[in-house]
Amino acid sequence: MNKKRGADKVKLELILYVLRTNPHGSWVRDIAKKSGLKKSTVANYLNTHLKDKVEVVHDSEHIKLVKLKEAMKEFSEEMEEISKESPNYIQ
């Protein structure tokens, strides 16, 4: 059986959640630790699937600090409020 191609929605949501909870930015290593994903997976998702939603705050040869773009933060906050109002919302 072949693996599905494309982004895993659960991994995307985990990475976005960590970035939302750290509005000033977070290192790739910290995102990986907090989300439970591998560093290479986080780096891959940031460079491919989330490249339009994040901005690089600091980039050296081996270390990258990223944060959500302002427009994405507002959208994330709106979606969080909507999900809380939903009858299916579970805390």
PDB file of N, CA and C in Angstrom:
ATOM      1  N   MET A   1       0.848  -1.172   0.000  1.00  0.00           N
ATOM      2  CA  MET A   1       0.000   0.000   0.000  1.00  0.00           C
ATOM      3  C   MET A   1       0.895   1.237   0.000  1.00  0.00           C
ATOM      4  N   ASN A   2       0.563   2.198  -0.831  1.00  0.00           N
ATOM      5  CA  ASN A   2       1.345   3.430  -0.923  1.00  0.00           C
ATOM      6  C   ASN A   2       0.929   4.433   0.131  1.00  0.00           C
ATOM      7  N   LYS A   3       1.896   5.258   0.541  1.00  0.00           N
ATOM      8  CA  LYS A   3       1.594   6.331   1.483  1.00  0.00           C
ATOM      9  C   LYS A   3       0.830   7.432   0.755  1.00  0.00           C
ATOM     10  N   LYS A   4      -0.012   8.128   1.515  1.00  0.00           N
ATOM     11  CA  LYS A   4      -0.716   9.258   0.934  1.00  0.00           C
ATOM     12  C   LYS A   4       0.280  10.376   0.675  1.00  0.00           C
ATOM     13  N   ARG A   5       0.083  11.081  -0.412  1.00  0.00           N
ATOM     14  CA  ARG A   5       0.925  12.232  -0.723  1.00  0.00           C
ATOM     15  C   ARG A   5       0.271  13.477  -0.171  1.00  0.00           C
ATOM     16  N   GLY A   6       1.091  14.467   0.121  1.00  0.00           N
ATOM     17  CA  GLY A   6       0.561  15.727   0.616  1.00  0.00           C
ATOM     18  C   GLY A   6       0.717  15.843   2.123  1.00  0.00           C
ATOM     19  N   ALA A   7       0.179  16.937   2.620  1.00  0.00           N
ATOM     20  CA  ALA A   7       0.339  17.262   4.041  1.00  0.00           C
ATOM     21  C   ALA A   7      -0.635  16.477   4.913  1.00  0.00           C
ATOM     22  N   ASP A   8      -0.169  16.097   6.077  1.00  0.00           N
ATOM     23  CA  ASP A   8      -1.005  15.465   7.091  1.00  0.00           C
ATOM     24  C   ASP A   8      -1.659  16.592   7.896  1.00  0.00           C
ATOM     25  N   LYS A   9      -2.968  16.639   7.899  1.00  0.00           N
ATOM     26  CA  LYS A   9      -3.689  17.729   8.565  1.00  0.00           C
ATOM     27  C   LYS A   9      -3.417  17.786  10.056  1.00  0.00           C
ATOM     28  N   VAL A  10      -3.231  16.656  10.692  1.00  0.00           N
ATOM     29  CA  VAL A  10      -2.955  16.615  12.127  1.00  0.00           C
ATOM     30  C   VAL A  10      -1.604  17.271  12.409  1.00  0.00           C
ATOM     31  N   LYS A  11      -0.601  16.952  11.603  1.00  0.00           N
ATOM     32  CA  LYS A  11       0.723  17.544  11.795  1.00  0.00           C
ATOM     33  C   LYS A  11       0.681  19.044  11.551  1.00  0.00           C
ATOM     34  N   LEU A  12      -0.052  19.461  10.524  1.00  0.00           N
ATOM     35  CA  LEU A  12      -0.196  20.895  10.255  1.00  0.00           C
ATOM     36  C   LEU A  12      -0.822  21.615  11.440  1.00  0.00           C
ATOM     37  N   GLU A  13      -1.878  21.045  11.984  1.00  0.00           N
ATOM     38  CA  GLU A  13      -2.559  21.667  13.124  1.00  0.00           C
ATOM     39  C   GLU A  13      -1.677  21.711  14.363  1.00  0.00           C
ATOM     40  N   LEU A  14      -0.898  20.666  14.596  1.00  0.00           N
ATOM     41  CA  LEU A  14       0.023  20.655  15.736  1.00  0.00           C
ATOM     42  C   LEU A  14       1.051  21.783  15.618  1.00  0.00           C
ATOM     43  N   ILE A  15       1.629  21.927  14.443  1.00  0.00           N
ATOM     44  CA  ILE A  15       2.632  22.969  14.230  1.00  0.00           C
ATOM     45  C   ILE A  15       2.001  24.351  14.367  1.00  0.00           C
ATOM     46  N   LEU A  16       0.824  24.548  13.773  1.00  0.00           N
ATOM     47  CA  LEU A  16       0.147  25.842  13.871  1.00  0.00           C
ATOM     48  C   LEU A  16      -0.250  26.156  15.306  1.00  0.00           C
ATOM     49  N   TYR A  17      -0.659  25.145  16.056  1.00  0.00           N
ATOM     50  CA  TYR A  17      -1.022  25.359  17.461  1.00  0.00           C
ATOM     51  C   TYR A  17       0.185  25.856  18.264  1.00  0.00           C
ATOM     52  N   VAL A  18       1.322  25.218  18.060  1.00  0.00           N
ATOM     53  CA  VAL A  18       2.531  25.627  18.779  1.00  0.00           C
ATOM     54  C   VAL A  18       2.911  27.057  18.401  1.00  0.00           C
ATOM     55  N   LEU A  19       2.809  27.390  17.127  1.00  0.00           N
ATOM     56  CA  LEU A  19       3.143  28.747  16.686  1.00  0.00           C
ATOM     57  C   LEU A  19       2.151  29.772  17.237  1.00  0.00           C
ATOM     58  N   ARG A  20       0.879  29.391  17.330  1.00  0.00           N
ATOM     59  CA  ARG A  20      -0.125  30.309  17.891  1.00  0.00           C
ATOM     60  C   ARG A  20       0.140  30.588  19.361  1.00  0.00           C
ATOM     61  N   THR A  21       0.618  29.600  20.081  1.00  0.00           N
ATOM     62  CA  THR A  21       0.870  29.775  21.511  1.00  0.00           C
ATOM     63  C   THR A  21       2.185  30.497  21.778  1.00  0.00           C
ATOM     64  N   ASN A  22       2.980  30.722  20.753  1.00  0.00           N
ATOM     65  CA  ASN A  22       4.251  31.451  20.862  1.00  0.00           C
ATOM     66  C   ASN A  22       4.264  32.578  19.832  1.00  0.00           C
ATOM     67  N   PRO A  23       3.568  33.668  20.093  1.00  0.00           N
ATOM     68  CA  PRO A  23       3.404  34.718  19.087  1.00  0.00           C
ATOM     69  C   PRO A  23       4.702  35.438  18.703  1.00  0.00           C
ATOM     70  N   HIS A  24       5.726  35.385  19.547  1.00  0.00           N
ATOM     71  CA  HIS A  24       6.989  36.055  19.220  1.00  0.00           C
ATOM     72  C   HIS A  24       7.918  35.174  18.402  1.00  0.00           C
ATOM     73  N   GLY A  25       7.523  33.949  18.197  1.00  0.00           N
ATOM     74  CA  GLY A  25       8.315  33.028  17.396  1.00  0.00           C
ATOM     75  C   GLY A  25       8.836  31.861  18.213  1.00  0.00           C
ATOM     76  N   SER A  26       9.265  30.849  17.516  1.00  0.00           N
ATOM     77  CA  SER A  26       9.769  29.648  18.173  1.00  0.00           C
ATOM     78  C   SER A  26      10.797  28.988  17.270  1.00  0.00           C
ATOM     79  N   TRP A  27      11.790  28.369  17.886  1.00  0.00           N
ATOM     80  CA  TRP A  27      12.794  27.629  17.133  1.00  0.00           C
ATOM     81  C   TRP A  27      12.176  26.332  16.616  1.00  0.00           C
ATOM     82  N   VAL A  28      12.683  25.863  15.505  1.00  0.00           N
ATOM     83  CA  VAL A  28      12.188  24.616  14.915  1.00  0.00           C
ATOM     84  C   VAL A  28      12.316  23.477  15.923  1.00  0.00           C
ATOM     85  N   ARG A  29      13.417  23.447  16.644  1.00  0.00           N
ATOM     86  CA  ARG A  29      13.648  22.400  17.654  1.00  0.00           C
ATOM     87  C   ARG A  29      12.566  22.433  18.735  1.00  0.00           C
ATOM     88  N   ASP A  30      12.191  23.651  19.185  1.00  0.00           N
ATOM     89  CA  ASP A  30      11.152  23.772  20.211  1.00  0.00           C
ATOM     90  C   ASP A  30       9.782  23.389  19.680  1.00  0.00           C
ATOM     91  N   ILE A  31       9.506  23.758  18.427  1.00  0.00           N
ATOM     92  CA  ILE A  31       8.229  23.358  17.809  1.00  0.00           C
ATOM     93  C   ILE A  31       8.145  21.841  17.771  1.00  0.00           C
ATOM     94  N   ALA A  32       9.241  21.201  17.402  1.00  0.00           N
ATOM     95  CA  ALA A  32       9.269  19.737  17.341  1.00  0.00           C
ATOM     96  C   ALA A  32       9.039  19.125  18.713  1.00  0.00           C
ATOM     97  N   LYS A  33       9.692  19.666  19.723  1.00  0.00           N
ATOM     98  CA  LYS A  33       9.557  19.132  21.076  1.00  0.00           C
ATOM     99  C   LYS A  33       8.123  19.284  21.588  1.00  0.00           C
ATOM    100  N   LYS A  34       7.537  20.467  21.390  1.00  0.00           N
ATOM    101  CA  LYS A  34       6.193  20.734  21.906  1.00  0.00           C
ATOM    102  C   LYS A  34       5.110  19.997  21.131  1.00  0.00           C
ATOM    103  N   SER A  35       5.354  19.736  19.849  1.00  0.00           N
ATOM    104  CA  SER A  35       4.342  19.056  19.036  1.00  0.00           C
ATOM    105  C   SER A  35       4.512  17.545  19.038  1.00  0.00           C
ATOM    106  N   GLY A  36       5.691  17.062  19.445  1.00  0.00           N
ATOM    107  CA  GLY A  36       5.946  15.623  19.436  1.00  0.00           C
ATOM    108  C   GLY A  36       6.343  15.097  18.066  1.00  0.00           C
ATOM    109  N   LEU A  37       6.662  15.996  17.148  1.00  0.00           N
ATOM    110  CA  LEU A  37       7.076  15.604  15.799  1.00  0.00           C
ATOM    111  C   LEU A  37       8.589  15.645  15.689  1.00  0.00           C
ATOM    112  N   LYS A  38       9.128  15.024  14.654  1.00  0.00           N
ATOM    113  CA  LYS A  38      10.564  15.068  14.404  1.00  0.00           C
ATOM    114  C   LYS A  38      10.949  16.452  13.885  1.00  0.00           C
ATOM    115  N   LYS A  39      12.183  16.877  14.177  1.00  0.00           N
ATOM    116  CA  LYS A  39      12.666  18.174  13.703  1.00  0.00           C
ATOM    117  C   LYS A  39      12.636  18.257  12.183  1.00  0.00           C
ATOM    118  N   SER A  40      12.996  17.176  11.529  1.00  0.00           N
ATOM    119  CA  SER A  40      13.018  17.183  10.061  1.00  0.00           C
ATOM    120  C   SER A  40      11.606  17.328   9.493  1.00  0.00           C
ATOM    121  N   THR A  41      10.629  16.738  10.163  1.00  0.00           N
ATOM    122  CA  THR A  41       9.240  16.861   9.719  1.00  0.00           C
ATOM    123  C   THR A  41       8.762  18.295   9.869  1.00  0.00           C
ATOM    124  N   VAL A  42       9.059  18.906  11.017  1.00  0.00           N
ATOM    125  CA  VAL A  42       8.657  20.297  11.255  1.00  0.00           C
ATOM    126  C   VAL A  42       9.316  21.204  10.223  1.00  0.00           C
ATOM    127  N   ALA A  43      10.611  21.035  10.000  1.00  0.00           N
ATOM    128  CA  ALA A  43      11.325  21.863   9.031  1.00  0.00           C
ATOM    129  C   ALA A  43      10.741  21.693   7.630  1.00  0.00           C
ATOM    130  N   ASN A  44      10.431  20.457   7.270  1.00  0.00           N
ATOM    131  CA  ASN A  44       9.847  20.183   5.956  1.00  0.00           C
ATOM    132  C   ASN A  44       8.490  20.880   5.813  1.00  0.00           C
ATOM    133  N   TYR A  45       7.635  20.771   6.808  1.00  0.00           N
ATOM    134  CA  TYR A  45       6.310  21.391   6.744  1.00  0.00           C
ATOM    135  C   TYR A  45       6.416  22.914   6.705  1.00  0.00           C
ATOM    136  N   LEU A  46       7.338  23.484   7.477  1.00  0.00           N
ATOM    137  CA  LEU A  46       7.518  24.936   7.471  1.00  0.00           C
ATOM    138  C   LEU A  46       8.016  25.435   6.121  1.00  0.00           C
ATOM    139  N   ASN A  47       8.892  24.667   5.491  1.00  0.00           N
ATOM    140  CA  ASN A  47       9.464  25.075   4.208  1.00  0.00           C
ATOM    141  C   ASN A  47       8.574  24.795   3.009  1.00  0.00           C
ATOM    142  N   THR A  48       7.588  23.922   3.178  1.00  0.00           N
ATOM    143  CA  THR A  48       6.733  23.571   2.037  1.00  0.00           C
ATOM    144  C   THR A  48       5.290  24.013   2.257  1.00  0.00           C
ATOM    145  N   HIS A  49       4.600  23.331   3.123  1.00  0.00           N
ATOM    146  CA  HIS A  49       3.156  23.534   3.288  1.00  0.00           C
ATOM    147  C   HIS A  49       2.803  24.822   4.020  1.00  0.00           C
ATOM    148  N   LEU A  50       3.672  25.312   4.882  1.00  0.00           N
ATOM    149  CA  LEU A  50       3.359  26.499   5.687  1.00  0.00           C
ATOM    150  C   LEU A  50       4.192  27.723   5.303  1.00  0.00           C
ATOM    151  N   LYS A  51       4.904  27.669   4.194  1.00  0.00           N
ATOM    152  CA  LYS A  51       5.813  28.766   3.855  1.00  0.00           C
ATOM    153  C   LYS A  51       5.087  30.093   3.632  1.00  0.00           C
ATOM    154  N   ASP A  52       3.823  30.067   3.225  1.00  0.00           N
ATOM    155  CA  ASP A  52       3.057  31.299   3.028  1.00  0.00           C
ATOM    156  C   ASP A  52       2.439  31.809   4.325  1.00  0.00           C
ATOM    157  N   LYS A  53       2.422  30.979   5.357  1.00  0.00           N
ATOM    158  CA  LYS A  53       1.767  31.340   6.612  1.00  0.00           C
ATOM    159  C   LYS A  53       2.741  31.753   7.714  1.00  0.00           C
ATOM    160  N   VAL A  54       4.028  31.477   7.517  1.00  0.00           N
ATOM    161  CA  VAL A  54       5.020  31.816   8.533  1.00  0.00           C
ATOM    162  C   VAL A  54       6.054  32.779   7.968  1.00  0.00           C
ATOM    163  N   GLU A  55       6.670  33.504   8.873  1.00  0.00           N
ATOM    164  CA  GLU A  55       7.787  34.356   8.478  1.00  0.00           C
ATOM    165  C   GLU A  55       9.001  33.998   9.321  1.00  0.00           C
ATOM    166  N   VAL A  56      10.159  34.105   8.708  1.00  0.00           N
ATOM    167  CA  VAL A  56      11.406  33.778   9.390  1.00  0.00           C
ATOM    168  C   VAL A  56      11.872  35.018  10.133  1.00  0.00           C
ATOM    169  N   VAL A  57      12.029  34.888  11.435  1.00  0.00           N
ATOM    170  CA  VAL A  57      12.482  35.989  12.267  1.00  0.00           C
ATOM    171  C   VAL A  57      14.005  36.007  12.327  1.00  0.00           C
ATOM    172  N   HIS A  58      14.607  34.842  12.424  1.00  0.00           N
ATOM    173  CA  HIS A  58      16.059  34.716  12.494  1.00  0.00           C
ATOM    174  C   HIS A  58      16.454  33.458  11.732  1.00  0.00           C
ATOM    175  N   ASP A  59      17.509  33.569  10.939  1.00  0.00           N
ATOM    176  CA  ASP A  59      17.960  32.410  10.178  1.00  0.00           C
ATOM    177  C   ASP A  59      19.483  32.408  10.136  1.00  0.00           C
ATOM    178  N   SER A  60      20.071  31.426  10.756  1.00  0.00           N
ATOM    179  CA  SER A  60      21.515  31.247  10.655  1.00  0.00           C
ATOM    180  C   SER A  60      21.742  29.954   9.873  1.00  0.00           C
ATOM    181  N   GLU A  61      22.948  29.486   9.864  1.00  0.00           N
ATOM    182  CA  GLU A  61      23.246  28.304   9.060  1.00  0.00           C
ATOM    183  C   GLU A  61      22.456  27.073   9.492  1.00  0.00           C
ATOM    184  N   HIS A  62      22.274  26.892  10.808  1.00  0.00           N
ATOM    185  CA  HIS A  62      21.624  25.674  11.282  1.00  0.00           C
ATOM    186  C   HIS A  62      20.388  25.920  12.144  1.00  0.00           C
ATOM    187  N   ILE A  63      20.125  27.179  12.484  1.00  0.00           N
ATOM    188  CA  ILE A  63      19.025  27.474  13.395  1.00  0.00           C
ATOM    189  C   ILE A  63      18.068  28.464  12.750  1.00  0.00           C
ATOM    190  N   LYS A  64      16.765  28.178  12.861  1.00  0.00           N
ATOM    191  CA  LYS A  64      15.767  29.055  12.278  1.00  0.00           C
ATOM    192  C   LYS A  64      14.677  29.351  13.301  1.00  0.00           C
ATOM    193  N   LEU A  65      14.346  30.628  13.459  1.00  0.00           N
ATOM    194  CA  LEU A  65      13.270  31.071  14.345  1.00  0.00           C
ATOM    195  C   LEU A  65      12.128  31.556  13.454  1.00  0.00           C
ATOM    196  N   VAL A  66      10.939  30.970  13.617  1.00  0.00           N
ATOM    197  CA  VAL A  66       9.797  31.332  12.776  1.00  0.00           C
ATOM    198  C   VAL A  66       8.612  31.736  13.638  1.00  0.00           C
ATOM    199  N   LYS A  67       7.715  32.529  13.048  1.00  0.00           N
ATOM    200  CA  LYS A  67       6.469  32.888  13.712  1.00  0.00           C
ATOM    201  C   LYS A  67       5.391  33.022  12.657  1.00  0.00           C
ATOM    202  N   LEU A  68       4.138  32.994  13.098  1.00  0.00           N
ATOM    203  CA  LEU A  68       3.026  33.157  12.180  1.00  0.00           C
ATOM    204  C   LEU A  68       2.991  34.583  11.667  1.00  0.00           C
ATOM    205  N   LYS A  69       2.574  34.745  10.417  1.00  0.00           N
ATOM    206  CA  LYS A  69       2.381  36.084   9.878  1.00  0.00           C
ATOM    207  C   LYS A  69       1.175  36.708  10.571  1.00  0.00           C
ATOM    208  N   GLU A  70       1.113  38.022  10.614  1.00  0.00           N
ATOM    209  CA  GLU A  70       0.047  38.736  11.315  1.00  0.00           C
ATOM    210  C   GLU A  70      -1.337  38.342  10.789  1.00  0.00           C
ATOM    211  N   ALA A  71      -1.508  38.267   9.490  1.00  0.00           N
ATOM    212  CA  ALA A  71      -2.811  37.915   8.924  1.00  0.00           C
ATOM    213  C   ALA A  71      -3.222  36.512   9.350  1.00  0.00           C
ATOM    214  N   MET A  72      -2.264  35.612   9.426  1.00  0.00           N
ATOM    215  CA  MET A  72      -2.564  34.237   9.828  1.00  0.00           C
ATOM    216  C   MET A  72      -2.944  34.181  11.295  1.00  0.00           C
ATOM    217  N   LYS A  73      -2.327  35.006  12.144  1.00  0.00           N
ATOM    218  CA  LYS A  73      -2.674  35.036  13.564  1.00  0.00           C
ATOM    219  C   LYS A  73      -4.130  35.432  13.751  1.00  0.00           C
ATOM    220  N   GLU A  74      -4.551  36.483  13.024  1.00  0.00           N
ATOM    221  CA  GLU A  74      -5.931  36.948  13.133  1.00  0.00           C
ATOM    222  C   GLU A  74      -6.893  35.856  12.676  1.00  0.00           C
ATOM    223  N   PHE A  75      -6.565  35.193  11.571  1.00  0.00           N
ATOM    224  CA  PHE A  75      -7.408  34.122  11.063  1.00  0.00           C
ATOM    225  C   PHE A  75      -7.483  32.978  12.073  1.00  0.00           C
ATOM    226  N   SER A  76      -6.363  32.616  12.676  1.00  0.00           N
ATOM    227  CA  SER A  76      -6.331  31.529  13.658  1.00  0.00           C
ATOM    228  C   SER A  76      -7.178  31.863  14.877  1.00  0.00           C
ATOM    229  N   GLU A  77      -7.102  33.115  15.330  1.00  0.00           N
ATOM    230  CA  GLU A  77      -7.898  33.528  16.483  1.00  0.00           C
ATOM    231  C   GLU A  77      -9.389  33.480  16.170  1.00  0.00           C
ATOM    232  N   GLU A  78      -9.762  33.907  14.964  1.00  0.00           N
ATOM    233  CA  GLU A  78     -11.170  33.851  14.567  1.00  0.00           C
ATOM    234  C   GLU A  78     -11.664  32.410  14.513  1.00  0.00           C
ATOM    235  N   MET A  79     -10.867  31.515  13.953  1.00  0.00           N
ATOM    236  CA  MET A  79     -11.260  30.114  13.850  1.00  0.00           C
ATOM    237  C   MET A  79     -11.368  29.482  15.233  1.00  0.00           C
ATOM    238  N   GLU A  80     -10.505  29.876  16.150  1.00  0.00           N
ATOM    239  CA  GLU A  80     -10.559  29.337  17.515  1.00  0.00           C
ATOM    240  C   GLU A  80     -11.844  29.775  18.205  1.00  0.00           C
ATOM    241  N   GLU A  81     -12.238  31.041  18.019  1.00  0.00           N
ATOM    242  CA  GLU A  81     -13.477  31.531  18.615  1.00  0.00           C
ATOM    243  C   GLU A  81     -14.685  30.810  18.034  1.00  0.00           C
ATOM    244  N   ILE A  82     -14.679  30.607  16.736  1.00  0.00           N
ATOM    245  CA  ILE A  82     -15.786  29.907  16.079  1.00  0.00           C
ATOM    246  C   ILE A  82     -15.883  28.478  16.596  1.00  0.00           C
ATOM    247  N   SER A  83     -14.738  27.815  16.752  1.00  0.00           N
ATOM    248  CA  SER A  83     -14.771  26.423  17.216  1.00  0.00           C
ATOM    249  C   SER A  83     -15.259  26.326  18.658  1.00  0.00           C
ATOM    250  N   LYS A  84     -14.996  27.344  19.487  1.00  0.00           N
ATOM    251  CA  LYS A  84     -15.482  27.344  20.865  1.00  0.00           C
ATOM    252  C   LYS A  84     -16.995  27.497  20.921  1.00  0.00           C
ATOM    253  N   GLU A  85     -17.556  28.233  19.966  1.00  0.00           N
ATOM    254  CA  GLU A  85     -18.990  28.444  19.925  1.00  0.00           C
ATOM    255  C   GLU A  85     -19.735  27.235  19.364  1.00  0.00           C
ATOM    256  N   SER A  86     -19.008  26.381  18.694  1.00  0.00           N
ATOM    257  CA  SER A  86     -19.605  25.212  18.068  1.00  0.00           C
ATOM    258  C   SER A  86     -20.088  24.233  19.141  1.00  0.00           C
ATOM    259  N   PRO A  87     -21.229  23.577  18.938  1.00  0.00           N
ATOM    260  CA  PRO A  87     -21.723  22.610  19.926  1.00  0.00           C
ATOM    261  C   PRO A  87     -20.831  21.373  20.054  1.00  0.00           C
ATOM    262  N   ASN A  88     -19.967  21.120  19.070  1.00  0.00           N
ATOM    263  CA  ASN A  88     -19.089  19.952  19.092  1.00  0.00           C
ATOM    264  C   ASN A  88     -17.748  20.252  19.722  1.00  0.00           C
ATOM    265  N   TYR A  89     -17.550  21.451  20.249  1.00  0.00           N
ATOM    266  CA  TYR A  89     -16.262  21.843  20.823  1.00  0.00           C
ATOM    267  C   TYR A  89     -16.004  21.073  22.122  1.00  0.00           C
ATOM    268  N   ILE A  90     -14.823  20.492  22.188  1.00  0.00           N
ATOM    269  CA  ILE A  90     -14.437  19.718  23.377  1.00  0.00           C
ATOM    270  C   ILE A  90     -13.190  20.353  23.954  1.00  0.00           C
ATOM    271  N   GLN A  91     -13.199  20.624  25.257  1.00  0.00           N
ATOM    272  CA  GLN A  91     -12.008  21.191  25.885  1.00  0.00           C
ATOM    273  C   GLN A  91     -11.173  20.109  26.482  1.00  0.00           C
TER     274      GLN A  91
END
